[in-house]
N, C-alpha and C. Protein backbone atom coordinates (compact mmCIF):
# COMPACT_ATOMS: atom_id res chain seq x y z
N UNK A 1 24.07 112.27 91.55
CA UNK A 1 23.72 112.20 90.23
C UNK A 1 22.79 113.46 89.85
N UNK A 2 22.91 114.23 88.98
CA UNK A 2 21.72 115.12 88.56
C UNK A 2 20.20 114.55 88.54
N UNK A 3 19.65 115.33 89.09
CA UNK A 3 17.77 115.34 88.52
C UNK A 3 17.15 114.90 87.62
N UNK A 4 18.14 115.01 86.73
CA UNK A 4 17.48 115.31 85.52
C UNK A 4 17.80 113.61 84.77
N UNK A 5 19.11 112.97 85.44
CA UNK A 5 18.55 111.34 84.73
C UNK A 5 17.81 110.28 86.00
N UNK A 6 16.95 110.00 85.46
CA UNK A 6 15.49 109.27 85.76
C UNK A 6 16.26 107.51 86.20
N UNK A 7 16.93 107.51 85.15
CA UNK A 7 17.92 105.91 84.82
C UNK A 7 18.64 106.02 84.82
N UNK A 8 19.38 104.60 84.97
CA UNK A 8 20.87 104.05 84.11
C UNK A 8 20.92 103.21 83.35
N UNK A 9 21.97 103.26 82.81
CA UNK A 9 22.08 102.05 81.89
C UNK A 9 23.43 101.53 81.91
N UNK A 10 24.04 100.87 83.02
CA UNK A 10 25.00 100.26 82.93
C UNK A 10 25.71 99.54 81.07
N UNK A 11 27.08 99.79 80.43
CA UNK A 11 27.34 98.85 79.72
C UNK A 11 28.80 98.45 80.40
N UNK A 12 28.68 96.92 80.41
CA UNK A 12 30.19 96.36 80.59
C UNK A 12 31.36 96.62 79.21
N UNK A 13 32.22 96.32 79.49
CA UNK A 13 33.48 96.08 78.85
C UNK A 13 32.74 95.13 77.23
N UNK A 14 32.35 93.99 77.88
CA UNK A 14 31.84 93.15 77.01
C UNK A 14 31.23 93.69 75.66
N UNK A 15 29.63 94.22 76.45
CA UNK A 15 28.68 94.71 76.04
C UNK A 15 29.38 95.53 74.98
N UNK A 16 30.05 96.73 75.69
CA UNK A 16 30.65 98.12 74.50
C UNK A 16 31.20 97.46 73.17
N UNK A 17 32.25 96.51 73.76
CA UNK A 17 32.73 96.05 72.58
C UNK A 17 31.85 94.90 71.26
N UNK A 18 31.01 93.93 72.05
CA UNK A 18 29.65 93.82 70.72
C UNK A 18 28.76 95.27 70.34
N UNK A 19 28.47 96.24 70.75
CA UNK A 19 28.10 97.40 70.17
C UNK A 19 28.41 98.17 69.50
N UNK A 20 29.63 98.27 69.93
CA UNK A 20 30.88 98.94 68.71
C UNK A 20 31.06 98.03 67.56
N UNK A 21 31.30 96.69 67.49
CA UNK A 21 31.37 96.09 66.38
C UNK A 21 29.56 96.34 65.71
N UNK A 22 29.08 95.91 66.44
CA UNK A 22 27.42 95.91 65.70
C UNK A 22 27.96 97.68 64.65
N UNK A 23 28.22 98.43 65.15
CA UNK A 23 27.99 99.64 64.54
C UNK A 23 28.72 99.43 63.13
N UNK A 24 30.43 98.64 63.33
CA UNK A 24 31.02 98.65 62.24
C UNK A 24 30.55 97.67 61.19
N UNK A 25 29.33 96.76 61.41
CA UNK A 25 28.65 96.65 60.84
C UNK A 25 27.83 96.71 59.75
N UNK A 26 26.75 97.69 60.43
CA UNK A 26 25.60 98.54 59.87
C UNK A 26 26.64 99.43 59.14
N UNK A 27 27.52 100.05 59.97
CA UNK A 27 28.66 100.56 58.31
C UNK A 27 29.26 100.35 57.51
N UNK A 28 29.66 99.22 57.21
CA UNK A 28 30.06 98.26 56.65
C UNK A 28 29.62 98.59 55.49
N UNK A 29 28.45 99.05 54.70
CA UNK A 29 27.42 99.16 53.86
C UNK A 29 26.83 100.76 54.00
N UNK A 30 27.54 101.31 54.79
CA UNK A 30 27.72 102.96 54.56
C UNK A 30 28.82 103.56 53.77
N UNK A 31 30.23 102.77 53.84
CA UNK A 31 31.25 103.18 53.30
C UNK A 31 31.08 103.05 51.34
N UNK A 32 32.61 103.39 50.98
CA UNK A 32 33.82 103.09 52.22
C UNK A 32 34.15 104.58 52.93
N UNK A 33 35.09 104.17 53.70
CA UNK A 33 35.44 105.47 53.65
C UNK A 33 36.78 105.91 54.26
N UNK A 34 37.35 106.72 54.15
CA UNK A 34 38.60 107.08 53.76
C UNK A 34 39.19 107.03 55.38
N UNK A 35 38.86 107.61 55.92
CA UNK A 35 39.70 107.75 57.18
C UNK A 35 38.45 108.38 58.60
N UNK A 36 38.62 108.24 59.70
CA UNK A 36 37.55 107.81 60.55
C UNK A 36 38.31 109.26 61.80
N UNK A 37 37.48 109.94 62.26
CA UNK A 37 37.43 110.91 63.28
C UNK A 37 36.75 110.70 64.25
N UNK A 38 37.13 110.34 65.44
CA UNK A 38 36.72 110.12 66.96
C UNK A 38 36.81 111.63 67.26
N UNK A 39 35.85 111.89 68.20
CA UNK A 39 35.33 112.26 69.20
C UNK A 39 35.87 112.32 70.28
N UNK A 40 37.05 112.83 70.80
CA UNK A 40 37.45 112.56 72.29
C UNK A 40 36.52 113.04 73.43
N UNK A 41 36.74 112.75 74.53
CA UNK A 41 37.36 111.02 74.42
C UNK A 41 36.85 109.59 74.36
N UNK A 42 35.39 110.32 74.57
CA UNK A 42 34.41 108.63 74.52
C UNK A 42 34.59 107.60 73.43
N UNK A 43 34.86 108.62 71.93
CA UNK A 43 35.03 108.18 70.77
C UNK A 43 35.88 107.39 70.56
N UNK A 44 37.07 107.64 71.32
CA UNK A 44 38.37 106.53 70.89
C UNK A 44 38.40 105.59 71.32
N UNK A 45 37.73 104.91 71.67
CA UNK A 45 37.30 103.29 71.73
C UNK A 45 36.92 102.75 71.00
N UNK A 46 35.43 103.33 70.70
CA UNK A 46 34.69 102.83 69.62
C UNK A 46 35.58 102.80 67.87
N UNK A 47 35.70 104.28 68.07
CA UNK A 47 36.50 104.23 66.90
C UNK A 47 37.53 103.01 66.45
N UNK A 48 38.38 102.81 67.32
CA UNK A 48 39.19 101.98 67.08
C UNK A 48 38.60 100.63 66.51
N UNK A 49 37.78 100.48 67.41
CA UNK A 49 36.78 99.01 67.41
C UNK A 49 36.05 98.82 65.68
N UNK A 50 35.84 99.85 65.13
CA UNK A 50 35.40 100.55 64.19
C UNK A 50 36.23 100.71 62.83
N UNK A 51 37.87 101.07 63.36
CA UNK A 51 37.96 101.28 62.32
C UNK A 51 39.12 99.79 61.87
N UNK A 52 39.69 99.00 63.32
CA UNK A 52 39.92 97.83 62.95
C UNK A 52 38.85 97.07 62.06
N UNK A 53 37.13 97.01 62.48
CA UNK A 53 36.32 95.82 61.77
C UNK A 53 36.32 96.43 60.45
N UNK A 54 36.69 97.36 59.82
CA UNK A 54 36.79 98.08 58.56
C UNK A 54 37.67 98.39 57.53
N UNK A 55 38.77 98.04 58.15
CA UNK A 55 39.88 98.15 57.57
C UNK A 55 40.66 99.29 57.33
N UNK A 56 40.05 100.45 58.28
CA UNK A 56 40.69 101.97 58.23
C UNK A 56 42.09 102.58 59.03
N UNK A 57 42.56 102.55 57.68
CA UNK A 57 43.90 102.88 58.69
C UNK A 57 44.22 104.24 59.30
N UNK A 58 43.82 105.27 58.64
CA UNK A 58 43.85 106.75 58.87
C UNK A 58 42.64 106.96 59.50
N UNK A 59 43.14 107.39 60.98
CA UNK A 59 42.72 108.23 62.04
C UNK A 59 42.65 109.42 62.85
N UNK A 60 42.19 109.94 63.01
CA UNK A 60 42.64 111.62 63.13
C UNK A 60 41.35 111.89 64.65
N UNK A 61 41.81 112.82 65.19
CA UNK A 61 40.86 113.00 66.09
C UNK A 61 40.61 114.66 66.00
N UNK A 62 38.87 115.18 66.97
CA UNK A 62 38.42 116.29 67.52
C UNK A 62 38.33 116.22 68.61
N UNK A 63 39.00 117.41 69.49
CA UNK A 63 38.90 117.19 71.45
C UNK A 63 37.99 118.05 71.32
N UNK A 64 37.13 117.67 72.06
CA UNK A 64 35.88 118.26 72.28
C UNK A 64 35.04 118.17 74.04
N UNK A 65 34.58 119.08 74.82
CA UNK A 65 34.71 118.96 76.20
C UNK A 65 33.55 119.59 75.90
N UNK A 66 32.54 118.77 76.80
CA UNK A 66 31.06 119.11 77.16
C UNK A 66 30.82 118.64 78.79
N UNK A 67 31.49 117.30 78.74
CA UNK A 67 30.81 117.40 80.08
C UNK A 67 31.98 116.84 81.53
N UNK A 68 31.23 117.08 82.33
CA UNK A 68 31.97 116.89 84.05
C UNK A 68 31.55 116.16 84.70
N UNK A 69 31.88 114.73 84.09
CA UNK A 69 31.07 113.47 84.72
C UNK A 69 29.66 113.79 84.67
N UNK A 70 28.83 113.92 85.16
CA UNK A 70 27.45 114.24 84.67
C UNK A 70 26.96 115.66 84.42
N UNK A 71 27.90 116.30 84.82
CA UNK A 71 27.11 117.85 84.13
C UNK A 71 27.62 118.30 82.91
N UNK A 72 26.89 118.39 82.04
CA UNK A 72 26.57 119.26 80.88
C UNK A 72 27.25 120.99 80.92
N UNK A 73 28.40 121.21 80.33
CA UNK A 73 28.35 122.88 80.34
C UNK A 73 28.20 122.91 78.83
N UNK A 74 29.05 124.20 78.70
CA UNK A 74 29.19 124.94 77.39
C UNK A 74 30.01 123.65 76.14
N UNK A 75 30.14 123.99 75.45
CA UNK A 75 31.04 122.41 74.18
C UNK A 75 32.65 123.71 74.01
N UNK A 76 33.49 123.32 74.20
CA UNK A 76 34.53 124.08 74.14
C UNK A 76 35.50 122.58 73.46
N UNK A 77 36.15 123.30 72.20
CA UNK A 77 36.73 122.26 71.23
C UNK A 77 38.36 122.40 71.43
N UNK A 78 38.85 121.72 72.12
CA UNK A 78 40.10 121.86 72.55
C UNK A 78 41.42 121.51 71.48
N UNK A 79 40.65 120.80 70.62
CA UNK A 79 41.91 120.31 69.30
C UNK A 79 40.87 120.44 68.02
N UNK A 80 40.69 121.09 66.93
CA UNK A 80 39.81 120.47 65.96
C UNK A 80 40.46 119.67 64.73
N UNK A 81 39.75 119.29 64.25
CA UNK A 81 40.25 118.43 63.06
C UNK A 81 40.99 119.07 62.20
N UNK A 82 42.36 118.07 61.71
CA UNK A 82 43.30 118.32 61.12
C UNK A 82 42.47 119.23 59.82
N UNK A 83 43.61 120.24 59.23
CA UNK A 83 43.09 120.75 57.79
C UNK A 83 43.23 120.20 57.19
N UNK A 84 44.12 118.37 56.89
CA UNK A 84 43.65 117.72 55.86
C UNK A 84 42.50 117.37 55.74
N UNK A 85 41.70 116.93 56.81
CA UNK A 85 40.31 116.88 57.25
C UNK A 85 39.31 117.56 56.27
N UNK A 86 38.89 118.36 57.07
CA UNK A 86 38.37 119.46 56.56
C UNK A 86 38.85 119.75 55.35
N UNK A 87 39.64 120.22 54.64
CA UNK A 87 39.42 120.76 53.69
C UNK A 87 38.80 119.69 51.96
N UNK A 88 38.99 118.77 52.41
CA UNK A 88 38.71 117.41 51.72
C UNK A 88 36.94 117.39 51.43
N UNK A 89 36.66 117.88 50.50
CA UNK A 89 35.27 118.30 50.16
C UNK A 89 33.84 118.41 51.31
N UNK A 90 34.50 118.77 53.18
CA UNK A 90 33.81 119.43 53.56
C UNK A 90 33.45 117.79 54.44
N UNK A 91 34.42 116.56 54.06
CA UNK A 91 33.97 115.82 55.04
C UNK A 91 33.84 114.43 53.95
N UNK A 92 33.09 114.49 53.01
CA UNK A 92 33.12 113.79 52.62
C UNK A 92 33.93 112.49 52.51
N UNK A 93 33.30 111.21 52.22
CA UNK A 93 33.77 109.85 52.28
C UNK A 93 34.63 109.83 53.73
N UNK A 94 34.36 110.86 55.08
CA UNK A 94 35.44 110.37 56.27
C UNK A 94 34.39 109.49 56.88
N UNK A 95 34.58 109.38 58.09
CA UNK A 95 33.45 108.47 58.70
C UNK A 95 34.00 109.10 60.76
N UNK A 96 32.96 109.61 60.91
CA UNK A 96 33.07 109.74 62.07
C UNK A 96 32.44 109.36 63.83
N UNK A 97 33.20 109.26 64.59
CA UNK A 97 32.67 108.36 65.70
C UNK A 97 32.88 108.57 67.01
N UNK A 98 31.57 108.61 67.51
CA UNK A 98 31.47 108.97 69.42
C UNK A 98 30.69 107.25 70.35
N UNK A 99 30.86 108.07 70.69
CA UNK A 99 30.81 107.28 71.79
C UNK A 99 28.97 107.21 72.17
N UNK A 100 28.60 108.50 72.19
CA UNK A 100 27.13 108.85 72.04
C UNK A 100 26.52 110.06 72.04
N UNK A 101 25.19 110.17 71.77
CA UNK A 101 24.74 111.37 71.35
C UNK A 101 23.31 111.99 72.59
N UNK A 102 23.93 112.93 72.89
CA UNK A 102 23.18 113.03 73.96
C UNK A 102 21.97 113.86 73.45
N UNK A 103 22.33 115.37 73.77
CA UNK A 103 21.76 116.73 73.53
C UNK A 103 22.18 117.65 71.88
N UNK A 104 22.88 116.28 71.68
CA UNK A 104 23.46 116.88 70.07
C UNK A 104 24.22 118.04 69.74
N UNK A 105 24.80 118.50 71.39
CA UNK A 105 25.15 119.98 71.35
C UNK A 105 27.19 119.69 70.95
N UNK A 106 27.53 118.56 70.88
CA UNK A 106 28.71 118.40 70.79
C UNK A 106 28.67 118.01 69.20
N UNK A 107 28.23 116.61 68.56
CA UNK A 107 27.21 116.66 67.49
C UNK A 107 27.25 117.81 66.43
N UNK A 108 26.72 119.21 66.79
CA UNK A 108 26.14 119.84 66.24
C UNK A 108 27.67 120.56 65.82
N UNK A 109 28.93 120.80 66.47
CA UNK A 109 29.96 121.34 66.47
C UNK A 109 30.81 120.81 65.53
N UNK A 110 31.16 119.56 65.71
CA UNK A 110 31.73 119.02 64.85
C UNK A 110 30.76 118.53 63.54
N UNK A 111 30.27 118.29 63.41
CA UNK A 111 28.54 118.50 62.04
C UNK A 111 29.70 119.75 60.93
N UNK A 112 29.84 120.99 62.12
CA UNK A 112 30.00 122.23 61.37
C UNK A 112 31.31 122.39 60.99
N UNK A 113 32.05 121.45 61.34
CA UNK A 113 33.34 121.26 61.13
C UNK A 113 33.82 120.06 59.73
N UNK A 114 32.57 119.19 59.41
CA UNK A 114 32.73 118.10 58.83
C UNK A 114 31.26 117.77 58.28
N UNK A 115 30.61 118.90 57.69
CA UNK A 115 28.95 118.45 56.80
C UNK A 115 28.67 117.58 56.33
N UNK A 116 29.58 116.98 55.25
CA UNK A 116 29.36 115.89 54.89
C UNK A 116 29.58 114.82 55.24
N UNK A 117 30.42 114.50 55.88
CA UNK A 117 31.19 113.21 57.08
C UNK A 117 29.72 112.60 57.19
N UNK A 118 30.20 111.20 57.73
CA UNK A 118 29.00 110.68 57.87
C UNK A 118 28.76 110.03 59.44
N UNK A 119 28.55 110.58 60.32
CA UNK A 119 28.13 110.53 61.89
C UNK A 119 27.78 109.36 62.57
N UNK A 120 28.60 109.05 63.28
CA UNK A 120 27.90 107.46 63.72
C UNK A 120 28.09 107.43 65.09
N UNK A 121 27.68 107.25 66.13
CA UNK A 121 27.01 106.61 67.44
C UNK A 121 27.26 105.51 68.11
N UNK A 122 27.95 105.06 69.12
CA UNK A 122 27.19 103.23 69.23
C UNK A 122 25.52 103.71 70.37
N UNK A 123 25.76 104.46 70.64
CA UNK A 123 24.41 104.81 71.65
C UNK A 123 23.55 106.25 71.11
N UNK A 124 22.47 107.19 70.91
CA UNK A 124 21.71 107.54 71.00
C UNK A 124 20.78 107.93 71.72
N UNK A 125 20.35 109.33 72.52
CA UNK A 125 19.07 109.72 72.90
C UNK A 125 17.92 110.64 71.62
N UNK A 126 17.40 110.85 72.20
CA UNK A 126 16.22 111.86 71.17
C UNK A 126 16.60 113.25 71.08
N UNK A 127 16.75 113.82 71.61
CA UNK A 127 17.39 114.60 71.44
C UNK A 127 18.57 115.04 70.46
N UNK A 128 19.57 114.11 70.30
CA UNK A 128 20.52 114.08 69.64
C UNK A 128 20.25 113.42 68.43
N UNK A 129 19.34 112.58 67.98
CA UNK A 129 19.32 111.25 67.14
C UNK A 129 19.44 112.08 65.78
N UNK A 130 18.70 113.20 65.78
CA UNK A 130 18.59 113.76 64.63
C UNK A 130 19.84 114.11 63.77
N UNK A 131 20.90 114.26 64.73
CA UNK A 131 22.50 114.53 64.09
C UNK A 131 23.31 113.63 63.61
N UNK A 132 22.91 112.35 63.91
CA UNK A 132 23.61 111.09 63.59
C UNK A 132 23.27 110.27 62.50
N UNK A 133 23.81 109.88 61.74
CA UNK A 133 23.36 109.07 60.44
C UNK A 133 22.97 107.43 60.55
N UNK A 134 23.99 106.83 61.68
CA UNK A 134 24.02 105.53 62.42
C UNK A 134 24.74 105.10 63.58
N UNK A 135 23.36 104.50 64.23
CA UNK A 135 23.42 104.38 65.93
C UNK A 135 23.17 102.85 65.70
N UNK A 136 23.38 102.21 66.93
CA UNK A 136 23.24 101.28 67.46
C UNK A 136 21.66 101.23 68.23
N UNK A 137 22.24 102.12 69.62
CA UNK A 137 20.81 101.64 70.01
C UNK A 137 20.76 103.46 71.27
N UNK A 138 19.30 103.05 71.23
CA UNK A 138 18.32 104.33 71.64
C UNK A 138 18.46 103.90 72.54
N UNK A 139 18.30 105.28 74.11
CA UNK A 139 18.14 105.36 75.18
C UNK A 139 16.98 106.39 75.01
N UNK A 140 16.66 106.65 76.71
CA UNK A 140 15.65 107.78 76.84
C UNK A 140 16.13 108.58 76.93
N UNK A 141 16.22 109.82 77.08
CA UNK A 141 16.92 111.21 77.05
C UNK A 141 17.42 111.48 78.69
N UNK A 142 16.22 110.15 79.77
CA UNK A 142 16.55 110.73 80.96
C UNK A 142 17.22 109.61 81.72
N UNK A 143 18.05 109.22 80.13
CA UNK A 143 18.37 108.04 81.09
C UNK A 143 20.63 108.14 81.01
N UNK A 144 20.88 107.46 82.01
CA UNK A 144 22.59 108.07 82.58
C UNK A 144 22.84 106.48 81.74
N UNK A 145 24.17 106.87 80.93
CA UNK A 145 24.64 105.56 80.50
C UNK A 145 26.02 105.36 80.82
N UNK A 146 26.31 104.58 81.69
CA UNK A 146 27.72 104.17 82.34
C UNK A 146 28.08 103.49 81.24
N UNK A 147 29.32 104.35 80.89
CA UNK A 147 30.15 103.33 80.07
C UNK A 147 31.04 102.46 80.68
N UNK A 148 31.68 101.77 80.32
CA UNK A 148 32.99 100.44 80.65
C UNK A 148 34.27 101.62 81.40
N UNK A 149 34.41 102.69 80.94
CA UNK A 149 35.65 103.48 81.61
C UNK A 149 35.58 103.94 82.67
N UNK A 150 34.15 104.20 83.06
CA UNK A 150 33.51 105.56 83.87
C UNK A 150 33.27 104.55 85.51
N UNK A 151 33.08 103.11 85.29
CA UNK A 151 32.76 102.56 85.99
C UNK A 151 33.62 102.03 87.14
N UNK A 152 33.38 100.84 88.19
CA UNK A 152 34.66 100.41 88.99
C UNK A 152 33.67 99.09 89.37
N UNK A 153 34.10 97.87 89.43
CA UNK A 153 33.30 97.17 90.50
C UNK A 153 32.85 97.06 91.77
N UNK A 154 31.60 97.02 92.15
CA UNK A 154 30.92 97.29 93.29
C UNK A 154 29.75 96.75 93.29
N UNK A 155 29.05 96.89 94.81
CA UNK A 155 27.58 96.21 94.82
C UNK A 155 26.71 96.99 94.14
N UNK A 156 25.45 96.34 94.00
CA UNK A 156 24.69 96.93 93.15
C UNK A 156 23.44 96.40 93.64
N UNK A 157 22.39 97.77 94.55
CA UNK A 157 21.19 97.19 95.36
C UNK A 157 20.51 96.64 94.39
N UNK A 158 19.47 95.74 94.06
CA UNK A 158 18.85 95.02 93.34
C UNK A 158 17.32 96.30 93.12
N UNK A 159 16.80 96.18 92.00
CA UNK A 159 15.63 97.19 91.40
C UNK A 159 15.35 97.50 92.64
N UNK A 160 14.22 96.35 92.88
CA UNK A 160 13.46 96.70 94.18
C UNK A 160 13.84 98.17 94.78
N UNK A 161 15.00 98.15 95.60
CA UNK A 161 15.44 98.54 96.97
C UNK A 161 15.47 99.77 96.13
N UNK A 162 15.73 100.11 94.85
CA UNK A 162 16.49 101.22 94.70
C UNK A 162 15.36 102.33 94.50
N UNK A 163 15.57 104.05 94.28
CA UNK A 163 14.24 104.97 94.85
C UNK A 163 13.26 104.70 93.07
N UNK A 164 12.41 104.87 93.45
CA UNK A 164 11.17 104.61 92.26
C UNK A 164 11.12 105.84 91.37
N UNK A 165 10.70 105.83 90.34
CA UNK A 165 10.77 107.00 89.14
C UNK A 165 8.98 107.22 89.24
């Protein structure tokens, strides 16, 4: 793992589902929303949970690549948002969902596509936090969030045996 990640924050499927539902609960007062735009790939799971909880049936994706496991690179838009979404008053009434905002690089690109949309993430780090409207949990910038789809069950050494910061 890259040296800039000093801490880890493992998230189980159960915890992620609870956090995504908490996000939906918080968003219920911010709507109504006509559609959800999921930022792939990380935003697919929370977008599905949020859409279900808020009764939103129209779901679009914007496909953005910026990470290769723990190495962040340039942001590449692999599939932009449909013109049906961008033509609607710059995204007003649309909800953008992602799993997390880190440096904000991805968020900036998607915000440019839909500047009036409501942007929500489950997790937020300080550098990217100003770019989102709603989030559930903030973690420090030097924390790597291990999301459930990136993990496998295996032994974990006790904290006291791990390298100290």
